PDB file of N, CA and C in Angstrom:
ATOM      1  N   UNK A   1      -0.996 -48.660 -64.796  1.00  0.00           N
ATOM      2  CA  UNK A   1       0.322 -48.769 -65.447  1.00  0.00           C
ATOM      3  C   UNK A   1       0.976 -47.610 -64.965  1.00  0.00           C
ATOM      4  N   UNK A   2       2.417 -47.703 -64.489  1.00  0.00           N
ATOM      5  CA  UNK A   2       3.093 -47.107 -64.498  1.00  0.00           C
ATOM      6  C   UNK A   2       4.473 -47.698 -64.830  1.00  0.00           C
ATOM      7  N   UNK A   3       5.040 -46.258 -65.551  1.00  0.00           N
ATOM      8  CA  UNK A   3       6.429 -46.091 -66.056  1.00  0.00           C
ATOM      9  C   UNK A   3       7.563 -45.458 -65.564  1.00  0.00           C
ATOM     10  N   UNK A   4       8.474 -46.013 -65.870  1.00  0.00           N
ATOM     11  CA  UNK A   4       9.930 -46.417 -64.991  1.00  0.00           C
ATOM     12  C   UNK A   4       9.988 -44.528 -64.351  1.00  0.00           C
ATOM     13  N   UNK A   5      10.018 -43.863 -65.469  1.00  0.00           N
ATOM     14  CA  UNK A   5       9.702 -41.919 -64.689  1.00  0.00           C
ATOM     15  C   UNK A   5       9.351 -42.346 -64.204  1.00  0.00           C
ATOM     16  N   UNK A   6       7.587 -42.220 -64.522  1.00  0.00           N
ATOM     17  CA  UNK A   6       6.781 -41.491 -62.499  1.00  0.00           C
ATOM     18  C   UNK A   6       7.381 -42.754 -61.376  1.00  0.00           C
ATOM     19  N   UNK A   7       7.997 -43.689 -61.432  1.00  0.00           N
ATOM     20  CA  UNK A   7       8.090 -44.329 -60.318  1.00  0.00           C
ATOM     21  C   UNK A   7       9.601 -43.667 -59.290  1.00  0.00           C
ATOM     22  N   UNK A   8      10.178 -43.155 -60.104  1.00  0.00           N
ATOM     23  CA  UNK A   8      11.870 -42.382 -60.258  1.00  0.00           C
ATOM     24  C   UNK A   8      10.862 -41.670 -59.303  1.00  0.00           C
ATOM     25  N   UNK A   9      10.408 -40.694 -60.324  1.00  0.00           N
ATOM     26  CA  UNK A   9       9.126 -39.729 -60.249  1.00  0.00           C
ATOM     27  C   UNK A   9       8.420 -39.237 -58.640  1.00  0.00           C
ATOM     28  N   UNK A  10       8.546 -40.948 -58.139  1.00  0.00           N
ATOM     29  CA  UNK A  10       7.603 -40.732 -57.017  1.00  0.00           C
ATOM     30  C   UNK A  10       8.489 -40.661 -56.154  1.00  0.00           C
ATOM     31  N   UNK A  11       9.159 -41.741 -56.252  1.00  0.00           N
ATOM     32  CA  UNK A  11      10.086 -42.388 -55.343  1.00  0.00           C
ATOM     33  C   UNK A  11      10.911 -40.752 -54.253  1.00  0.00           C
ATOM     34  N   UNK A  12      11.215 -39.720 -56.063  1.00  0.00           N
ATOM     35  CA  UNK A  12      11.861 -38.771 -55.207  1.00  0.00           C
ATOM     36  C   UNK A  12      10.595 -37.839 -54.295  1.00  0.00           C
ATOM     37  N   UNK A  13       9.980 -37.874 -55.120  1.00  0.00           N
ATOM     38  CA  UNK A  13       8.266 -37.110 -54.572  1.00  0.00           C
ATOM     39  C   UNK A  13       8.436 -37.158 -53.031  1.00  0.00           C
ATOM     40  N   UNK A  14       8.365 -38.499 -52.552  1.00  0.00           N
ATOM     41  CA  UNK A  14       8.492 -38.880 -51.090  1.00  0.00           C
ATOM     42  C   UNK A  14       9.850 -38.884 -50.604  1.00  0.00           C
ATOM     43  N   UNK A  15      10.657 -39.335 -50.666  1.00  0.00           N
ATOM     44  CA  UNK A  15      12.275 -38.502 -49.834  1.00  0.00           C
ATOM     45  C   UNK A  15      13.043 -40.202 -49.438  1.00  0.00           C
ATOM     46  N   UNK A  16      12.611 -40.899 -50.401  1.00  0.00           N
ATOM     47  CA  UNK A  16      13.368 -42.499 -49.952  1.00  0.00           C
ATOM     48  C   UNK A  16      13.865 -42.597 -51.304  1.00  0.00           C
ATOM     49  N   UNK A  17      14.756 -44.311 -50.831  1.00  0.00           N
ATOM     50  CA  UNK A  17      15.667 -44.271 -51.641  1.00  0.00           C
ATOM     51  C   UNK A  17      15.338 -45.884 -52.014  1.00  0.00           C
ATOM     52  N   UNK A  18      15.919 -47.007 -53.033  1.00  0.00           N
ATOM     53  CA  UNK A  18      15.453 -47.838 -54.064  1.00  0.00           C
ATOM     54  C   UNK A  18      14.671 -48.565 -52.324  1.00  0.00           C
ATOM     55  N   UNK A  19      15.397 -48.463 -51.663  1.00  0.00           N
ATOM     56  CA  UNK A  19      15.741 -49.078 -50.562  1.00  0.00           C
ATOM     57  C   UNK A  19      14.976 -50.415 -49.698  1.00  0.00           C
ATOM     58  N   UNK A  20      14.503 -48.863 -49.101  1.00  0.00           N
ATOM     59  CA  UNK A  20      13.196 -48.229 -48.487  1.00  0.00           C
ATOM     60  C   UNK A  20      11.983 -48.145 -49.426  1.00  0.00           C
ATOM     61  N   UNK A  21      11.635 -48.242 -50.302  1.00  0.00           N
ATOM     62  CA  UNK A  21      10.472 -48.803 -51.609  1.00  0.00           C
ATOM     63  C   UNK A  21      10.053 -50.619 -51.678  1.00  0.00           C
ATOM     64  N   UNK A  22      11.058 -51.403 -51.924  1.00  0.00           N
ATOM     65  CA  UNK A  22      12.206 -52.508 -51.521  1.00  0.00           C
ATOM     66  C   UNK A  22      10.982 -52.285 -49.855  1.00  0.00           C
ATOM     67  N   UNK A  23      11.003 -52.780 -48.940  1.00  0.00           N
ATOM     68  CA  UNK A  23      10.793 -52.442 -47.640  1.00  0.00           C
ATOM     69  C   UNK A  23       9.233 -52.322 -47.776  1.00  0.00           C
ATOM     70  N   UNK A  24       8.507 -51.136 -47.740  1.00  0.00           N
ATOM     71  CA  UNK A  24       7.307 -50.572 -48.331  1.00  0.00           C
ATOM     72  C   UNK A  24       6.588 -51.584 -49.279  1.00  0.00           C
ATOM     73  N   UNK A  25       7.489 -51.702 -49.402  1.00  0.00           N
ATOM     74  CA  UNK A  25       6.390 -53.029 -51.647  1.00  0.00           C
ATOM     75  C   UNK A  25       6.983 -54.269 -51.301  1.00  0.00           C
ATOM     76  N   UNK A  26       7.637 -54.401 -50.548  1.00  0.00           N
ATOM     77  CA  UNK A  26       7.626 -55.585 -49.368  1.00  0.00           C
ATOM     78  C   UNK A  26       8.533 -56.567 -51.709  1.00  0.00           C
ATOM     79  N   UNK A  27       8.902 -56.380 -52.023  1.00  0.00           N
ATOM     80  CA  UNK A  27       9.641 -56.240 -52.839  1.00  0.00           C
ATOM     81  C   UNK A  27      11.500 -56.431 -52.527  1.00  0.00           C
ATOM     82  N   UNK A  28      12.250 -57.213 -53.505  1.00  0.00           N
ATOM     83  CA  UNK A  28      13.674 -56.762 -53.491  1.00  0.00           C
ATOM     84  C   UNK A  28      14.244 -55.571 -54.708  1.00  0.00           C
ATOM     85  N   UNK A  29      15.201 -54.869 -53.395  1.00  0.00           N
ATOM     86  CA  UNK A  29      15.986 -54.289 -54.585  1.00  0.00           C
ATOM     87  C   UNK A  29      16.239 -54.229 -55.070  1.00  0.00           C
ATOM     88  N   UNK A  30      16.716 -55.838 -55.908  1.00  0.00           N
ATOM     89  CA  UNK A  30      16.758 -55.489 -57.680  1.00  0.00           C
ATOM     90  C   UNK A  30      15.338 -55.618 -58.655  1.00  0.00           C
ATOM     91  N   UNK A  31      14.063 -55.939 -58.166  1.00  0.00           N
ATOM     92  CA  UNK A  31      13.435 -55.699 -58.725  1.00  0.00           C
ATOM     93  C   UNK A  31      12.704 -54.337 -58.637  1.00  0.00           C
ATOM     94  N   UNK A  32      13.235 -53.421 -57.705  1.00  0.00           N
ATOM     95  CA  UNK A  32      12.661 -51.976 -57.784  1.00  0.00           C
ATOM     96  C   UNK A  32      13.893 -52.000 -59.483  1.00  0.00           C
ATOM     97  N   UNK A  33      15.199 -51.561 -58.250  1.00  0.00           N
ATOM     98  CA  UNK A  33      15.892 -51.483 -59.825  1.00  0.00           C
ATOM     99  C   UNK A  33      15.636 -52.016 -61.599  1.00  0.00           C
ATOM    100  N   UNK A  34      15.554 -53.458 -61.258  1.00  0.00           N
ATOM    101  CA  UNK A  34      15.156 -53.433 -62.504  1.00  0.00           C
ATOM    102  C   UNK A  34      13.598 -52.565 -63.188  1.00  0.00           C
ATOM    103  N   UNK A  35      12.545 -52.640 -62.332  1.00  0.00           N
ATOM    104  CA  UNK A  35      12.161 -51.591 -63.004  1.00  0.00           C
ATOM    105  C   UNK A  35      11.905 -50.412 -63.541  1.00  0.00           C
ATOM    106  N   UNK A  36      13.110 -49.493 -62.926  1.00  0.00           N
ATOM    107  CA  UNK A  36      13.266 -47.646 -62.485  1.00  0.00           C
ATOM    108  C   UNK A  36      13.684 -48.570 -63.772  1.00  0.00           C
ATOM    109  N   UNK A  37      14.592 -49.288 -64.243  1.00  0.00           N
ATOM    110  CA  UNK A  37      15.889 -49.141 -65.976  1.00  0.00           C
ATOM    111  C   UNK A  37      14.900 -49.737 -66.934  1.00  0.00           C
ATOM    112  N   UNK A  38      13.230 -49.418 -66.165  1.00  0.00           N
ATOM    113  CA  UNK A  38      12.663 -49.829 -67.654  1.00  0.00           C
ATOM    114  C   UNK A  38      13.094 -48.976 -68.505  1.00  0.00           C
ATOM    115  N   UNK A  39      12.301 -49.653 -69.555  1.00  0.00           N
ATOM    116  CA  UNK A  39      12.894 -48.032 -71.475  1.00  0.00           C
ATOM    117  C   UNK A  39      11.353 -47.300 -70.155  1.00  0.00           C
ATOM    118  N   UNK A  40      10.078 -47.975 -70.407  1.00  0.00           N
ATOM    119  CA  UNK A  40       8.733 -46.769 -70.561  1.00  0.00           C
ATOM    120  C   UNK A  40       8.239 -47.106 -68.822  1.00  0.00           C
ATOM    121  N   UNK A  41       7.468 -48.026 -69.956  1.00  0.00           N
ATOM    122  CA  UNK A  41       6.228 -48.584 -69.129  1.00  0.00           C
ATOM    123  C   UNK A  41       6.586 -49.489 -68.468  1.00  0.00           C
ATOM    124  N   UNK A  42       6.449 -50.245 -66.885  1.00  0.00           N
ATOM    125  CA  UNK A  42       7.047 -51.672 -66.145  1.00  0.00           C
ATOM    126  C   UNK A  42       6.273 -52.930 -66.955  1.00  0.00           C
ATOM    127  N   UNK A  43       7.137 -53.116 -67.334  1.00  0.00           N
ATOM    128  CA  UNK A  43       6.102 -54.896 -67.576  1.00  0.00           C
ATOM    129  C   UNK A  43       6.916 -55.949 -66.317  1.00  0.00           C
ATOM    130  N   UNK A  44       5.790 -56.324 -65.573  1.00  0.00           N
ATOM    131  CA  UNK A  44       6.732 -57.408 -64.671  1.00  0.00           C
ATOM    132  C   UNK A  44       5.693 -58.244 -64.077  1.00  0.00           C
ATOM    133  N   UNK A  45       5.941 -58.716 -63.304  1.00  0.00           N
ATOM    134  CA  UNK A  45       4.969 -60.045 -62.330  1.00  0.00           C
ATOM    135  C   UNK A  45       3.472 -59.150 -62.060  1.00  0.00           C
ATOM    136  N   UNK A  46       2.721 -59.277 -61.860  1.00  0.00           N
ATOM    137  CA  UNK A  46       0.756 -58.496 -62.159  1.00  0.00           C
ATOM    138  C   UNK A  46       1.084 -58.017 -60.266  1.00  0.00           C
ATOM    139  N   UNK A  47       1.035 -59.754 -60.151  1.00  0.00           N
ATOM    140  CA  UNK A  47       1.538 -58.863 -58.400  1.00  0.00           C
ATOM    141  C   UNK A  47       1.792 -58.336 -57.592  1.00  0.00           C
ATOM    142  N   UNK A  48       3.221 -57.779 -58.404  1.00  0.00           N
ATOM    143  CA  UNK A  48       4.800 -56.820 -58.214  1.00  0.00           C
ATOM    144  C   UNK A  48       4.390 -56.145 -58.339  1.00  0.00           C
ATOM    145  N   UNK A  49       3.524 -56.134 -59.829  1.00  0.00           N
ATOM    146  CA  UNK A  49       2.964 -54.264 -59.493  1.00  0.00           C
ATOM    147  C   UNK A  49       1.771 -54.039 -59.359  1.00  0.00           C
ATOM    148  N   UNK A  50       0.912 -54.551 -58.553  1.00  0.00           N
ATOM    149  CA  UNK A  50       0.397 -54.058 -57.730  1.00  0.00           C
ATOM    150  C   UNK A  50       0.623 -53.259 -55.758  1.00  0.00           C
ATOM    151  N   UNK A  51       1.669 -54.927 -55.732  1.00  0.00           N
ATOM    152  CA  UNK A  51       2.491 -54.628 -54.351  1.00  0.00           C
ATOM    153  C   UNK A  51       2.803 -52.984 -54.522  1.00  0.00           C
ATOM    154  N   UNK A  52       3.744 -52.092 -55.729  1.00  0.00           N
ATOM    155  CA  UNK A  52       4.563 -51.557 -55.717  1.00  0.00           C
ATOM    156  C   UNK A  52       3.720 -50.335 -55.954  1.00  0.00           C
ATOM    157  N   UNK A  53       2.201 -50.662 -56.635  1.00  0.00           N
ATOM    158  CA  UNK A  53       1.630 -49.258 -57.209  1.00  0.00           C
ATOM    159  C   UNK A  53       0.956 -49.380 -56.035  1.00  0.00           C
ATOM    160  N   UNK A  54       0.261 -50.330 -54.632  1.00  0.00           N
ATOM    161  CA  UNK A  54      -0.270 -50.254 -53.386  1.00  0.00           C
ATOM    162  C   UNK A  54       0.574 -49.590 -52.302  1.00  0.00           C
ATOM    163  N   UNK A  55       1.848 -49.995 -52.689  1.00  0.00           N
ATOM    164  CA  UNK A  55       2.705 -49.112 -51.762  1.00  0.00           C
ATOM    165  C   UNK A  55       2.935 -47.190 -51.466  1.00  0.00           C
ATOM    166  N   UNK A  56       3.109 -47.729 -52.801  1.00  0.00           N
ATOM    167  CA  UNK A  56       3.315 -45.744 -53.588  1.00  0.00           C
ATOM    168  C   UNK A  56       1.890 -45.052 -53.041  1.00  0.00           C
ATOM    169  N   UNK A  57       0.899 -46.410 -54.032  1.00  0.00           N
ATOM    170  CA  UNK A  57      -0.860 -45.792 -52.863  1.00  0.00           C
ATOM    171  C   UNK A  57      -0.726 -44.493 -51.362  1.00  0.00           C
ATOM    172  N   UNK A  58      -0.043 -46.091 -50.875  1.00  0.00           N
ATOM    173  CA  UNK A  58      -0.412 -45.845 -48.856  1.00  0.00           C
ATOM    174  C   UNK A  58       0.630 -44.704 -49.096  1.00  0.00           C
ATOM    175  N   UNK A  59       1.869 -44.632 -49.737  1.00  0.00           N
ATOM    176  CA  UNK A  59       2.653 -43.640 -49.352  1.00  0.00           C
ATOM    177  C   UNK A  59       2.521 -41.926 -49.224  1.00  0.00           C
ATOM    178  N   UNK A  60       1.611 -41.676 -50.360  1.00  0.00           N
ATOM    179  CA  UNK A  60       0.774 -41.137 -50.715  1.00  0.00           C
ATOM    180  C   UNK A  60       0.925 -40.432 -52.251  1.00  0.00           C
ATOM    181  N   UNK A  61       1.806 -41.132 -52.341  1.00  0.00           N
ATOM    182  CA  UNK A  61       2.108 -41.451 -54.282  1.00  0.00           C
ATOM    183  C   UNK A  61       0.126 -41.527 -54.648  1.00  0.00           C
ATOM    184  N   UNK A  62      -0.159 -40.533 -55.617  1.00  0.00           N
ATOM    185  CA  UNK A  62      -1.046 -40.854 -57.055  1.00  0.00           C
ATOM    186  C   UNK A  62      -0.340 -41.290 -58.456  1.00  0.00           C
ATOM    187  N   UNK A  63      -0.725 -42.031 -59.437  1.00  0.00           N
ATOM    188  CA  UNK A  63       0.020 -41.628 -59.893  1.00  0.00           C
ATOM    189  C   UNK A  63      -1.345 -41.804 -61.814  1.00  0.00           C
ATOM    190  N   UNK A  64      -0.573 -40.597 -62.583  1.00  0.00           N
ATOM    191  CA  UNK A  64      -1.608 -39.934 -63.341  1.00  0.00           C
ATOM    192  C   UNK A  64      -1.213 -40.085 -64.306  1.00  0.00           C
ATOM    193  N   UNK A  65      -2.082 -40.458 -64.719  1.00  0.00           N
ATOM    194  CA  UNK A  65      -2.687 -40.853 -66.951  1.00  0.00           C
ATOM    195  C   UNK A  65      -2.080 -40.064 -67.374  1.00  0.00           C
ATOM    196  N   UNK A  66      -1.249 -40.555 -68.852  1.00  0.00           N
ATOM    197  CA  UNK A  66      -0.962 -39.466 -69.926  1.00  0.00           C
ATOM    198  C   UNK A  66      -2.344 -38.658 -69.670  1.00  0.00           C
ATOM    199  N   UNK A  67      -2.223 -37.378 -70.212  1.00  0.00           N
ATOM    200  CA  UNK A  67      -3.824 -36.983 -70.769  1.00  0.00           C
ATOM    201  C   UNK A  67      -4.842 -36.638 -69.483  1.00  0.00           C
ATOM    202  N   UNK A  68      -4.679 -36.879 -68.702  1.00  0.00           N
ATOM    203  CA  UNK A  68      -5.738 -37.494 -66.949  1.00  0.00           C
ATOM    204  C   UNK A  68      -5.328 -36.365 -66.374  1.00  0.00           C
ATOM    205  N   UNK A  69      -6.097 -35.771 -65.149  1.00  0.00           N
ATOM    206  CA  UNK A  69      -5.889 -34.838 -64.681  1.00  0.00           C
ATOM    207  C   UNK A  69      -6.136 -35.611 -63.064  1.00  0.00           C
ATOM    208  N   UNK A  70      -4.995 -34.772 -61.946  1.00  0.00           N
ATOM    209  CA  UNK A  70      -5.110 -36.108 -60.706  1.00  0.00           C
ATOM    210  C   UNK A  70      -7.403 -35.594 -60.211  1.00  0.00           C
ATOM    211  N   UNK A  71      -7.759 -37.069 -59.136  1.00  0.00           N
ATOM    212  CA  UNK A  71      -8.373 -36.317 -58.393  1.00  0.00           C
ATOM    213  C   UNK A  71      -9.070 -36.539 -57.067  1.00  0.00           C
ATOM    214  N   UNK A  72      -7.461 -35.799 -56.781  1.00  0.00           N
ATOM    215  CA  UNK A  72      -8.026 -34.801 -55.312  1.00  0.00           C
ATOM    216  C   UNK A  72      -6.972 -33.812 -55.044  1.00  0.00           C
ATOM    217  N   UNK A  73      -6.159 -34.120 -56.483  1.00  0.00           N
ATOM    218  CA  UNK A  73      -4.986 -32.602 -56.861  1.00  0.00           C
ATOM    219  C   UNK A  73      -3.425 -32.949 -55.442  1.00  0.00           C
ATOM    220  N   UNK A  74      -3.473 -31.737 -55.030  1.00  0.00           N
ATOM    221  CA  UNK A  74      -1.978 -32.362 -54.325  1.00  0.00           C
ATOM    222  C   UNK A  74      -0.965 -31.878 -55.032  1.00  0.00           C
ATOM    223  N   UNK A  75       0.786 -31.825 -54.578  1.00  0.00           N
ATOM    224  CA  UNK A  75       1.604 -31.324 -55.352  1.00  0.00           C
ATOM    225  C   UNK A  75       2.261 -32.703 -56.314  1.00  0.00           C
ATOM    226  N   UNK A  76       2.829 -32.151 -57.343  1.00  0.00           N
ATOM    227  CA  UNK A  76       2.789 -32.985 -58.453  1.00  0.00           C
ATOM    228  C   UNK A  76       3.988 -32.823 -59.995  1.00  0.00           C
ATOM    229  N   UNK A  77       4.074 -34.055 -60.012  1.00  0.00           N
ATOM    230  CA  UNK A  77       5.262 -33.151 -61.408  1.00  0.00           C
ATOM    231  C   UNK A  77       4.656 -33.665 -62.134  1.00  0.00           C
ATOM    232  N   UNK A  78       5.048 -33.419 -63.804  1.00  0.00           N
ATOM    233  CA  UNK A  78       4.648 -34.029 -64.699  1.00  0.00           C
ATOM    234  C   UNK A  78       5.164 -33.215 -66.094  1.00  0.00           C
ATOM    235  N   UNK A  79       5.501 -34.303 -66.914  1.00  0.00           N
ATOM    236  CA  UNK A  79       6.169 -33.875 -67.948  1.00  0.00           C
ATOM    237  C   UNK A  79       5.985 -32.987 -69.023  1.00  0.00           C
ATOM    238  N   UNK A  80       5.327 -32.412 -69.930  1.00  0.00           N
ATOM    239  CA  UNK A  80       4.778 -31.768 -71.297  1.00  0.00           C
ATOM    240  C   UNK A  80       3.834 -32.800 -71.801  1.00  0.00           C
ATOM    241  N   UNK A  81       3.805 -32.990 -73.210  1.00  0.00           N
ATOM    242  CA  UNK A  81       3.582 -33.187 -73.627  1.00  0.00           C
ATOM    243  C   UNK A  81       4.043 -33.533 -74.424  1.00  0.00           C
ATOM    244  N   UNK A  82       4.966 -32.035 -75.095  1.00  0.00           N
ATOM    245  CA  UNK A  82       5.762 -32.072 -75.851  1.00  0.00           C
ATOM    246  C   UNK A  82       7.398 -31.813 -75.472  1.00  0.00           C
ATOM    247  N   UNK A  83       7.237 -32.953 -74.420  1.00  0.00           N
ATOM    248  CA  UNK A  83       8.297 -33.474 -73.762  1.00  0.00           C
ATOM    249  C   UNK A  83       9.569 -34.068 -74.857  1.00  0.00           C
ATOM    250  N   UNK A  84      10.806 -33.091 -74.533  1.00  0.00           N
ATOM    251  CA  UNK A  84      11.436 -33.888 -75.183  1.00  0.00           C
ATOM    252  C   UNK A  84      12.673 -34.004 -74.937  1.00  0.00           C
ATOM    253  N   UNK A  85      13.684 -35.378 -74.721  1.00  0.00           N
ATOM    254  CA  UNK A  85      14.434 -35.728 -73.825  1.00  0.00           C
ATOM    255  C   UNK A  85      16.119 -34.355 -74.280  1.00  0.00           C
ATOM    256  N   UNK A  86      16.360 -34.059 -75.907  1.00  0.00           N
ATOM    257  CA  UNK A  86      17.262 -33.818 -76.593  1.00  0.00           C
ATOM    258  C   UNK A  86      17.584 -32.276 -76.534  1.00  0.00           C
ATOM    259  N   UNK A  87      16.287 -31.896 -75.452  1.00  0.00           N
ATOM    260  CA  UNK A  87      15.908 -30.295 -75.220  1.00  0.00           C
ATOM    261  C   UNK A  87      17.073 -30.070 -74.314  1.00  0.00           C
ATOM    262  N   UNK A  88      16.413 -31.361 -73.088  1.00  0.00           N
ATOM    263  CA  UNK A  88      17.653 -31.068 -71.984  1.00  0.00           C
ATOM    264  C   UNK A  88      18.547 -31.660 -71.729  1.00  0.00           C
ATOM    265  N   UNK A  89      18.822 -32.752 -72.470  1.00  0.00           N
ATOM    266  CA  UNK A  89      20.423 -33.879 -71.809  1.00  0.00           C
ATOM    267  C   UNK A  89      21.144 -32.991 -73.061  1.00  0.00           C
ATOM    268  N   UNK A  90      20.925 -33.099 -74.452  1.00  0.00           N
ATOM    269  CA  UNK A  90      21.190 -32.762 -75.740  1.00  0.00           C
ATOM    270  C   UNK A  90      21.592 -34.424 -76.818  1.00  0.00           C
ATOM    271  N   UNK A  91      22.446 -34.600 -78.577  1.00  0.00           N
ATOM    272  CA  UNK A  91      22.483 -35.496 -79.001  1.00  0.00           C
ATOM    273  C   UNK A  91      21.952 -36.318 -78.791  1.00  0.00           C
ATOM    274  N   UNK A  92      21.581 -37.373 -80.521  1.00  0.00           N
ATOM    275  CA  UNK A  92      20.794 -38.678 -79.962  1.00  0.00           C
ATOM    276  C   UNK A  92      20.902 -39.851 -79.821  1.00  0.00           C
ATOM    277  N   UNK A  93      21.960 -39.709 -78.641  1.00  0.00           N
ATOM    278  CA  UNK A  93      21.715 -40.443 -77.813  1.00  0.00           C
ATOM    279  C   UNK A  93      20.648 -40.070 -75.948  1.00  0.00           C
ATOM    280  N   UNK A  94      20.166 -38.501 -75.448  1.00  0.00           N
ATOM    281  CA  UNK A  94      19.431 -38.452 -74.832  1.00  0.00           C
ATOM    282  C   UNK A  94      18.427 -39.407 -74.340  1.00  0.00           C
ATOM    283  N   UNK A  95      17.321 -39.656 -75.028  1.00  0.00           N
ATOM    284  CA  UNK A  95      16.716 -41.500 -74.660  1.00  0.00           C
ATOM    285  C   UNK A  95      17.232 -42.228 -73.996  1.00  0.00           C
ATOM    286  N   UNK A  96      18.637 -42.946 -74.444  1.00  0.00           N
ATOM    287  CA  UNK A  96      19.062 -42.991 -73.696  1.00  0.00           C
ATOM    288  C   UNK A  96      19.892 -42.871 -72.484  1.00  0.00           C
ATOM    289  N   UNK A  97      20.288 -40.881 -72.306  1.00  0.00           N
ATOM    290  CA  UNK A  97      20.818 -41.133 -71.560  1.00  0.00           C
ATOM    291  C   UNK A  97      19.407 -40.863 -69.888  1.00  0.00           C
ATOM    292  N   UNK A  98      18.785 -40.243 -70.909  1.00  0.00           N
ATOM    293  CA  UNK A  98      17.817 -39.849 -69.696  1.00  0.00           C
ATOM    294  C   UNK A  98      16.790 -40.989 -69.290  1.00  0.00           C
ATOM    295  N   UNK A  99      16.991 -42.361 -69.610  1.00  0.00           N
ATOM    296  CA  UNK A  99      16.744 -43.225 -68.817  1.00  0.00           C
ATOM    297  C   UNK A  99      17.909 -43.715 -68.146  1.00  0.00           C
ATOM    298  N   UNK A 100      18.909 -43.570 -67.907  1.00  0.00           N
ATOM    299  CA  UNK A 100      19.596 -43.709 -67.563  1.00  0.00           C
ATOM    300  C   UNK A 100      20.042 -43.505 -66.110  1.00  0.00           C
ATOM    301  N   UNK A 101      19.683 -42.193 -65.840  1.00  0.00           N
ATOM    302  CA  UNK A 101      20.013 -41.415 -64.837  1.00  0.00           C
ATOM    303  C   UNK A 101      18.750 -41.404 -64.194  1.00  0.00           C
ATOM    304  N   UNK A 102      18.650 -42.199 -62.044  1.00  0.00           N
ATOM    305  CA  UNK A 102      17.766 -42.773 -61.787  1.00  0.00           C
ATOM    306  C   UNK A 102      18.004 -41.750 -60.371  1.00  0.00           C
ATOM    307  N   UNK A 103      17.005 -41.463 -59.470  1.00  0.00           N
ATOM    308  CA  UNK A 103      17.461 -41.200 -58.028  1.00  0.00           C
ATOM    309  C   UNK A 103      18.129 -42.200 -57.338  1.00  0.00           C
ATOM    310  N   UNK A 104      18.883 -41.917 -56.595  1.00  0.00           N
ATOM    311  CA  UNK A 104      19.161 -43.011 -55.681  1.00  0.00           C
ATOM    312  C   UNK A 104      19.281 -42.953 -54.402  1.00  0.00           C
TER     313      UNK A 104
END
């Protein structure tokens, strides 16, 4: 399981764009764009999700589930459990604004 924010953060940590992630995973750029535009948990074809997660794993990204600890350590980013996008972006549509932001 992977969320759209995790995907965007993973790509940012790797310093790659959507095109490069598409190449690494064997998926199309529009598929990566659709996944990153998801509201939360990415839904889709299981094969595509496995390709994506496998490519991130090979590239050096460890996906950490909510409440879990990292198995092998290393650098990473995690939102605090009490994260509130309104504090960062302000307004009632802060969640929408946050989801609309993407790393090019």
